[in-house]
Amino acid sequence: MTRPVEYVGKDLEAMSFARNYHAWILDVFRPYLGKHIVEVGAGTGSFSQMLLDTKPETLSLIEPSAMFDSLKTNLSTIGAGETVQFYNGIFSDVA
């Protein structure tokens, strides 16, 4: 297993308020979304919450940095339940 990824920026926190931007991205990708979704680099979960609104059967969230704890906390408060699986690592290790 590789060592944890260190995230020292503040762009994830800043982008959490970019709701219109995230909505646009979701609209672009919506035709390609299936019932089982993997979000690589889920950050703090802002976009993850929007993905949950599409009612997937499963949503796998991969986040390698220390933001993983924030991701779990943020998504736990919305009651994601068994739909969401959390993975603290990089995609090649998780896959």
N, C-alpha and C. Protein backbone atom coordinates (compact mmCIF):
# COMPACT_ATOMS: atom_id res chain seq x y z
N MET A 1 0.85 -1.17 0.00
CA MET A 1 0.00 0.00 0.00
C MET A 1 0.89 1.23 0.00
N THR A 2 0.49 2.25 -0.72
CA THR A 2 1.28 3.47 -0.79
C THR A 2 1.04 4.32 0.45
N ARG A 3 1.95 5.27 0.67
CA ARG A 3 1.79 6.15 1.83
C ARG A 3 0.66 7.14 1.58
N PRO A 4 0.05 7.68 2.64
CA PRO A 4 -1.08 8.60 2.49
C PRO A 4 -0.69 9.84 1.70
N VAL A 5 -1.65 10.38 0.98
CA VAL A 5 -1.44 11.59 0.20
C VAL A 5 -1.66 12.79 1.11
N GLU A 6 -0.72 13.71 1.10
CA GLU A 6 -0.85 14.90 1.91
C GLU A 6 -1.51 16.00 1.08
N TYR A 7 -2.57 16.56 1.60
CA TYR A 7 -3.28 17.66 0.95
C TYR A 7 -3.08 18.91 1.78
N VAL A 8 -2.44 19.93 1.22
CA VAL A 8 -2.14 21.13 1.98
C VAL A 8 -2.89 22.36 1.46
N GLY A 9 -3.64 22.21 0.39
CA GLY A 9 -4.34 23.34 -0.20
C GLY A 9 -5.64 23.66 0.49
N LYS A 10 -6.30 24.68 -0.01
CA LYS A 10 -7.61 25.08 0.51
C LYS A 10 -8.66 25.12 -0.61
N ASP A 11 -8.31 24.61 -1.79
CA ASP A 11 -9.23 24.68 -2.91
C ASP A 11 -10.46 23.81 -2.71
N LEU A 12 -10.33 22.68 -2.03
CA LEU A 12 -11.50 21.83 -1.81
C LEU A 12 -12.53 22.54 -0.94
N GLU A 13 -12.05 23.22 0.08
CA GLU A 13 -12.96 23.96 0.95
C GLU A 13 -13.62 25.09 0.17
N ALA A 14 -12.84 25.79 -0.65
CA ALA A 14 -13.37 26.91 -1.44
C ALA A 14 -14.40 26.41 -2.45
N MET A 15 -14.15 25.28 -3.07
CA MET A 15 -15.07 24.76 -4.09
C MET A 15 -16.35 24.19 -3.49
N SER A 16 -16.38 23.98 -2.20
CA SER A 16 -17.60 23.45 -1.58
C SER A 16 -18.79 24.40 -1.76
N PHE A 17 -18.51 25.67 -2.02
CA PHE A 17 -19.57 26.66 -2.21
C PHE A 17 -19.97 26.83 -3.67
N ALA A 18 -19.29 26.14 -4.58
CA ALA A 18 -19.53 26.30 -6.02
C ALA A 18 -20.67 25.40 -6.48
N ARG A 19 -21.82 25.59 -5.92
CA ARG A 19 -22.98 24.73 -6.19
C ARG A 19 -23.38 24.73 -7.68
N ASN A 20 -23.40 25.89 -8.30
CA ASN A 20 -23.77 25.98 -9.71
C ASN A 20 -22.77 25.25 -10.60
N TYR A 21 -21.50 25.36 -10.26
CA TYR A 21 -20.45 24.66 -11.01
C TYR A 21 -20.64 23.16 -10.90
N HIS A 22 -20.87 22.69 -9.69
CA HIS A 22 -21.09 21.25 -9.48
C HIS A 22 -22.36 20.79 -10.21
N ALA A 23 -23.39 21.60 -10.20
CA ALA A 23 -24.64 21.24 -10.90
C ALA A 23 -24.39 21.13 -12.40
N TRP A 24 -23.58 22.02 -12.95
CA TRP A 24 -23.25 21.97 -14.37
C TRP A 24 -22.49 20.68 -14.70
N ILE A 25 -21.49 20.35 -13.87
CA ILE A 25 -20.72 19.11 -14.09
C ILE A 25 -21.65 17.90 -14.04
N LEU A 26 -22.54 17.88 -13.06
CA LEU A 26 -23.47 16.76 -12.94
C LEU A 26 -24.37 16.66 -14.17
N ASP A 27 -24.84 17.78 -14.68
CA ASP A 27 -25.67 17.77 -15.89
C ASP A 27 -24.91 17.21 -17.09
N VAL A 28 -23.63 17.54 -17.20
CA VAL A 28 -22.81 17.03 -18.30
C VAL A 28 -22.63 15.52 -18.20
N PHE A 29 -22.41 15.03 -16.99
CA PHE A 29 -22.15 13.60 -16.80
C PHE A 29 -23.39 12.75 -16.60
N ARG A 30 -24.52 13.37 -16.33
CA ARG A 30 -25.75 12.63 -16.03
C ARG A 30 -26.08 11.51 -17.03
N PRO A 31 -25.95 11.75 -18.36
CA PRO A 31 -26.27 10.67 -19.30
C PRO A 31 -25.38 9.44 -19.17
N TYR A 32 -24.23 9.58 -18.52
CA TYR A 32 -23.27 8.48 -18.41
C TYR A 32 -23.29 7.81 -17.03
N LEU A 33 -24.10 8.32 -16.13
CA LEU A 33 -24.15 7.76 -14.78
C LEU A 33 -24.99 6.49 -14.77
N GLY A 34 -24.46 5.48 -14.15
CA GLY A 34 -25.20 4.24 -13.98
C GLY A 34 -25.74 4.14 -12.56
N LYS A 35 -26.06 2.94 -12.15
CA LYS A 35 -26.59 2.72 -10.81
C LYS A 35 -25.49 2.53 -9.77
N HIS A 36 -24.27 2.30 -10.24
CA HIS A 36 -23.12 2.11 -9.36
C HIS A 36 -22.07 3.14 -9.75
N ILE A 37 -21.80 4.08 -8.86
CA ILE A 37 -20.93 5.21 -9.17
C ILE A 37 -19.70 5.18 -8.27
N VAL A 38 -18.56 5.52 -8.86
CA VAL A 38 -17.31 5.67 -8.11
C VAL A 38 -16.85 7.11 -8.31
N GLU A 39 -16.63 7.80 -7.21
CA GLU A 39 -16.08 9.15 -7.28
C GLU A 39 -14.65 9.10 -6.74
N VAL A 40 -13.70 9.36 -7.62
CA VAL A 40 -12.29 9.34 -7.26
C VAL A 40 -11.88 10.76 -6.89
N GLY A 41 -11.33 10.92 -5.68
CA GLY A 41 -10.98 12.24 -5.19
C GLY A 41 -12.21 12.97 -4.68
N ALA A 42 -12.94 12.32 -3.78
CA ALA A 42 -14.22 12.84 -3.30
C ALA A 42 -14.09 14.07 -2.42
N GLY A 43 -12.88 14.37 -1.96
CA GLY A 43 -12.65 15.58 -1.17
C GLY A 43 -13.51 15.63 0.08
N THR A 44 -14.26 16.71 0.24
CA THR A 44 -15.09 16.89 1.43
C THR A 44 -16.52 16.39 1.23
N GLY A 45 -16.86 15.94 0.03
CA GLY A 45 -18.17 15.35 -0.21
C GLY A 45 -19.22 16.27 -0.80
N SER A 46 -18.86 17.48 -1.20
CA SER A 46 -19.85 18.40 -1.77
C SER A 46 -20.51 17.81 -3.02
N PHE A 47 -19.69 17.33 -3.94
CA PHE A 47 -20.22 16.74 -5.17
C PHE A 47 -20.85 15.38 -4.88
N SER A 48 -20.31 14.69 -3.91
CA SER A 48 -20.85 13.38 -3.52
C SER A 48 -22.32 13.49 -3.12
N GLN A 49 -22.66 14.54 -2.40
CA GLN A 49 -24.04 14.75 -1.98
C GLN A 49 -24.95 14.92 -3.19
N MET A 50 -24.46 15.61 -4.21
CA MET A 50 -25.25 15.77 -5.43
C MET A 50 -25.40 14.44 -6.18
N LEU A 51 -24.34 13.64 -6.16
CA LEU A 51 -24.43 12.32 -6.78
C LEU A 51 -25.46 11.45 -6.08
N LEU A 52 -25.56 11.57 -4.77
CA LEU A 52 -26.56 10.82 -4.02
C LEU A 52 -27.98 11.20 -4.43
N ASP A 53 -28.17 12.45 -4.84
CA ASP A 53 -29.49 12.89 -5.29
C ASP A 53 -29.95 12.18 -6.55
N THR A 54 -29.01 11.56 -7.30
CA THR A 54 -29.38 10.81 -8.50
C THR A 54 -29.88 9.41 -8.16
N LYS A 55 -29.88 9.07 -6.86
CA LYS A 55 -30.38 7.79 -6.34
C LYS A 55 -29.62 6.57 -6.88
N PRO A 56 -28.28 6.56 -6.75
CA PRO A 56 -27.55 5.37 -7.19
C PRO A 56 -27.79 4.21 -6.22
N GLU A 57 -27.60 3.00 -6.71
CA GLU A 57 -27.67 1.84 -5.81
C GLU A 57 -26.47 1.84 -4.88
N THR A 58 -25.29 2.19 -5.43
CA THR A 58 -24.08 2.30 -4.62
C THR A 58 -23.30 3.53 -5.07
N LEU A 59 -22.62 4.14 -4.12
CA LEU A 59 -21.72 5.26 -4.39
C LEU A 59 -20.44 4.98 -3.62
N SER A 60 -19.37 4.69 -4.34
CA SER A 60 -18.07 4.41 -3.73
C SER A 60 -17.24 5.68 -3.79
N LEU A 61 -16.80 6.14 -2.63
CA LEU A 61 -16.06 7.39 -2.53
C LEU A 61 -14.61 7.09 -2.16
N ILE A 62 -13.70 7.55 -3.00
CA ILE A 62 -12.28 7.31 -2.79
C ILE A 62 -11.60 8.65 -2.52
N GLU A 63 -10.93 8.73 -1.39
CA GLU A 63 -10.20 9.96 -1.01
C GLU A 63 -8.93 9.56 -0.29
N PRO A 64 -7.76 9.90 -0.84
CA PRO A 64 -6.51 9.48 -0.23
C PRO A 64 -5.96 10.40 0.86
N SER A 65 -6.42 11.63 0.92
CA SER A 65 -5.81 12.60 1.83
C SER A 65 -6.48 12.61 3.20
N ALA A 66 -6.01 13.49 4.06
CA ALA A 66 -6.60 13.66 5.39
C ALA A 66 -8.02 14.20 5.31
N MET A 67 -8.46 14.65 4.14
CA MET A 67 -9.83 15.11 3.95
C MET A 67 -10.82 13.96 4.11
N PHE A 68 -10.30 12.73 4.14
CA PHE A 68 -11.16 11.55 4.27
C PHE A 68 -12.04 11.62 5.51
N ASP A 69 -11.49 12.09 6.61
CA ASP A 69 -12.29 12.19 7.84
C ASP A 69 -13.44 13.17 7.67
N SER A 70 -13.18 14.30 7.02
CA SER A 70 -14.24 15.28 6.75
C SER A 70 -15.29 14.70 5.82
N LEU A 71 -14.85 13.95 4.83
CA LEU A 71 -15.78 13.32 3.90
C LEU A 71 -16.75 12.40 4.63
N LYS A 72 -16.22 11.53 5.48
CA LYS A 72 -17.07 10.60 6.23
C LYS A 72 -18.02 11.35 7.16
N THR A 73 -17.51 12.36 7.82
CA THR A 73 -18.36 13.15 8.72
C THR A 73 -19.48 13.85 7.96
N ASN A 74 -19.13 14.50 6.85
CA ASN A 74 -20.12 15.25 6.07
C ASN A 74 -21.20 14.36 5.49
N LEU A 75 -20.83 13.19 5.01
CA LEU A 75 -21.82 12.30 4.40
C LEU A 75 -22.61 11.53 5.44
N SER A 76 -22.05 11.32 6.59
CA SER A 76 -22.77 10.62 7.66
C SER A 76 -23.94 11.46 8.17
N THR A 77 -23.79 12.77 8.13
CA THR A 77 -24.84 13.64 8.65
C THR A 77 -26.07 13.67 7.76
N ILE A 78 -25.92 13.24 6.49
CA ILE A 78 -27.09 13.24 5.61
C ILE A 78 -27.75 11.87 5.54
N GLY A 79 -27.25 10.93 6.32
CA GLY A 79 -27.88 9.62 6.38
C GLY A 79 -27.74 8.79 5.11
N ALA A 80 -26.52 8.75 4.55
CA ALA A 80 -26.29 8.02 3.31
C ALA A 80 -26.48 6.51 3.48
N GLY A 81 -26.32 6.01 4.67
CA GLY A 81 -26.58 4.60 4.96
C GLY A 81 -25.70 3.64 4.19
N GLU A 82 -26.30 2.52 3.77
CA GLU A 82 -25.55 1.45 3.11
C GLU A 82 -25.25 1.76 1.66
N THR A 83 -25.81 2.81 1.12
CA THR A 83 -25.56 3.18 -0.27
C THR A 83 -24.11 3.57 -0.50
N VAL A 84 -23.48 4.17 0.49
CA VAL A 84 -22.14 4.74 0.34
C VAL A 84 -21.08 3.85 0.97
N GLN A 85 -20.00 3.63 0.20
CA GLN A 85 -18.81 2.96 0.72
C GLN A 85 -17.67 3.97 0.67
N PHE A 86 -16.88 4.02 1.74
CA PHE A 86 -15.76 4.95 1.84
C PHE A 86 -14.45 4.19 1.73
N TYR A 87 -13.52 4.75 0.95
CA TYR A 87 -12.20 4.15 0.79
C TYR A 87 -11.14 5.22 0.97
N ASN A 88 -10.27 5.03 1.95
CA ASN A 88 -9.19 5.97 2.22
C ASN A 88 -7.93 5.45 1.53
N GLY A 89 -7.72 5.87 0.31
CA GLY A 89 -6.56 5.42 -0.46
C GLY A 89 -6.62 5.98 -1.86
N ILE A 90 -5.69 5.55 -2.70
CA ILE A 90 -5.70 5.95 -4.09
C ILE A 90 -6.40 4.87 -4.92
N PHE A 91 -6.88 5.27 -6.09
CA PHE A 91 -7.72 4.38 -6.88
C PHE A 91 -7.04 3.04 -7.19
N SER A 92 -5.76 3.07 -7.55
CA SER A 92 -5.08 1.82 -7.91
C SER A 92 -5.01 0.85 -6.73
N ASP A 93 -4.93 1.37 -5.51
CA ASP A 93 -4.92 0.49 -4.33
C ASP A 93 -6.32 -0.02 -4.03
N VAL A 94 -7.31 0.82 -4.20
CA VAL A 94 -8.70 0.45 -3.89
C VAL A 94 -9.25 -0.54 -4.91
N ALA A 95 -8.91 -0.31 -6.19
CA ALA A 95 -9.42 -1.17 -7.25
C ALA A 95 -8.91 -2.58 -7.08
